[in-house]
């Protein structure tokens, strides 16, 4: 069953209640291998290493068009 409000909620009270509905900032850390910024606990998109131990991804260089 849905809520059945007895009174109308004003815009200010509605906005005060929603002040905590916000997106958390991204947790960016420096890669220990290449020192580029990456998301925490993820494979580095620039070098392909995870936790400086294992090369997980083979990163292919973008080839320029020869035209």
C-alpha atoms as a PDB file:
ATOM      1  CA  UNK A   1       0.000   0.000   0.000  1.00  0.00           C
ATOM      2  CA  UNK A   2       1.176   3.483  -0.786  1.00  0.00           C
ATOM      3  CA  UNK A   3       1.541   6.274   1.730  1.00  0.00           C
ATOM      4  CA  UNK A   4      -1.494   8.464   2.253  1.00  0.00           C
ATOM      5  CA  UNK A   5      -0.295  11.896   3.416  1.00  0.00           C
ATOM      6  CA  UNK A   6      -2.593  13.982   5.618  1.00  0.00           C
ATOM      7  CA  UNK A   7      -1.013  17.324   4.655  1.00  0.00           C
ATOM      8  CA  UNK A   8       0.862  18.762   1.725  1.00  0.00           C
ATOM      9  CA  UNK A   9       4.649  18.951   2.134  1.00  0.00           C
ATOM     10  CA  UNK A  10       6.071  22.372   1.312  1.00  0.00           C
ATOM     11  CA  UNK A  11       8.835  22.743  -1.279  1.00  0.00           C
ATOM     12  CA  UNK A  12      11.370  23.775   1.349  1.00  0.00           C
ATOM     13  CA  UNK A  13      10.668  20.774   3.597  1.00  0.00           C
ATOM     14  CA  UNK A  14      10.747  18.474   0.592  1.00  0.00           C
ATOM     15  CA  UNK A  15      14.122  19.881  -0.504  1.00  0.00           C
ATOM     16  CA  UNK A  16      15.530  19.707   3.036  1.00  0.00           C
ATOM     17  CA  UNK A  17      14.638  16.026   3.159  1.00  0.00           C
ATOM     18  CA  UNK A  18      16.332  15.402  -0.197  1.00  0.00           C
ATOM     19  CA  UNK A  19      19.629  17.147   0.635  1.00  0.00           C
ATOM     20  CA  UNK A  20      21.199  13.794   1.491  1.00  0.00           C
ATOM     21  CA  UNK A  21      20.294  12.232  -1.873  1.00  0.00           C
ATOM     22  CA  UNK A  22      23.548  12.872  -3.676  1.00  0.00           C
ATOM     23  CA  UNK A  23      26.152  10.929  -5.594  1.00  0.00           C
ATOM     24  CA  UNK A  24      29.387  10.096  -3.794  1.00  0.00           C
ATOM     25  CA  UNK A  25      32.583  11.282  -5.521  1.00  0.00           C
ATOM     26  CA  UNK A  26      34.644   8.713  -7.411  1.00  0.00           C
ATOM     27  CA  UNK A  27      37.453   7.088  -5.436  1.00  0.00           C
ATOM     28  CA  UNK A  28      40.390   7.818  -7.734  1.00  0.00           C
ATOM     29  CA  UNK A  29      43.848   6.559  -6.778  1.00  0.00           C
ATOM     30  CA  UNK A  30      47.195   6.561  -8.563  1.00  0.00           C
ATOM     31  CA  UNK A  31      48.292   3.360 -10.264  1.00  0.00           C
ATOM     32  CA  UNK A  32      51.395   1.931  -8.598  1.00  0.00           C
ATOM     33  CA  UNK A  33      52.822   0.890 -11.957  1.00  0.00           C
ATOM     34  CA  UNK A  34      52.325   3.915 -14.240  1.00  0.00           C
ATOM     35  CA  UNK A  35      51.072   6.573 -11.749  1.00  0.00           C
ATOM     36  CA  UNK A  36      47.955   7.399 -13.790  1.00  0.00           C
ATOM     37  CA  UNK A  37      44.654   7.930 -11.978  1.00  0.00           C
ATOM     38  CA  UNK A  38      42.295   4.951 -11.932  1.00  0.00           C
ATOM     39  CA  UNK A  39      39.313   3.689  -9.954  1.00  0.00           C
ATOM     40  CA  UNK A  40      40.236   1.945  -6.710  1.00  0.00           C
ATOM     41  CA  UNK A  41      40.350  -1.879  -6.757  1.00  0.00           C
ATOM     42  CA  UNK A  42      40.158  -2.019 -10.563  1.00  0.00           C
ATOM     43  CA  UNK A  43      42.559  -2.819 -13.393  1.00  0.00           C
ATOM     44  CA  UNK A  44      44.423   0.251 -14.648  1.00  0.00           C
ATOM     45  CA  UNK A  45      43.063   1.215 -18.081  1.00  0.00           C
ATOM     46  CA  UNK A  46      46.357   2.761 -19.212  1.00  0.00           C
ATOM     47  CA  UNK A  47      48.853  -0.013 -18.362  1.00  0.00           C
ATOM     48  CA  UNK A  48      46.645  -3.068 -17.655  1.00  0.00           C
ATOM     49  CA  UNK A  49      48.160  -3.943 -14.274  1.00  0.00           C
ATOM     50  CA  UNK A  50      46.245  -4.762 -11.106  1.00  0.00           C
ATOM     51  CA  UNK A  51      47.909  -4.244  -7.713  1.00  0.00           C
ATOM     52  CA  UNK A  52      51.381  -4.080  -9.335  1.00  0.00           C
ATOM     53  CA  UNK A  53      51.506  -7.872  -9.491  1.00  0.00           C
ATOM     54  CA  UNK A  54      49.808  -9.250 -12.556  1.00  0.00           C
ATOM     55  CA  UNK A  55      49.340  -7.801 -16.011  1.00  0.00           C
ATOM     56  CA  UNK A  56      45.681  -8.536 -16.510  1.00  0.00           C
ATOM     57  CA  UNK A  57      44.924  -6.698 -19.759  1.00  0.00           C
ATOM     58  CA  UNK A  58      46.838  -6.285 -22.982  1.00  0.00           C
ATOM     59  CA  UNK A  59      46.428  -2.620 -23.901  1.00  0.00           C
ATOM     60  CA  UNK A  60      46.531  -2.038 -27.652  1.00  0.00           C
ATOM     61  CA  UNK A  61      47.763   1.299 -28.950  1.00  0.00           C
ATOM     62  CA  UNK A  62      45.332   3.156 -31.178  1.00  0.00           C
ATOM     63  CA  UNK A  63      46.542   3.204 -34.737  1.00  0.00           C
ATOM     64  CA  UNK A  64      46.114   6.432 -36.645  1.00  0.00           C
ATOM     65  CA  UNK A  65      44.277   6.288 -39.910  1.00  0.00           C
ATOM     66  CA  UNK A  66      46.693   6.331 -42.831  1.00  0.00           C
ATOM     67  CA  UNK A  67      44.424   8.497 -44.954  1.00  0.00           C
END
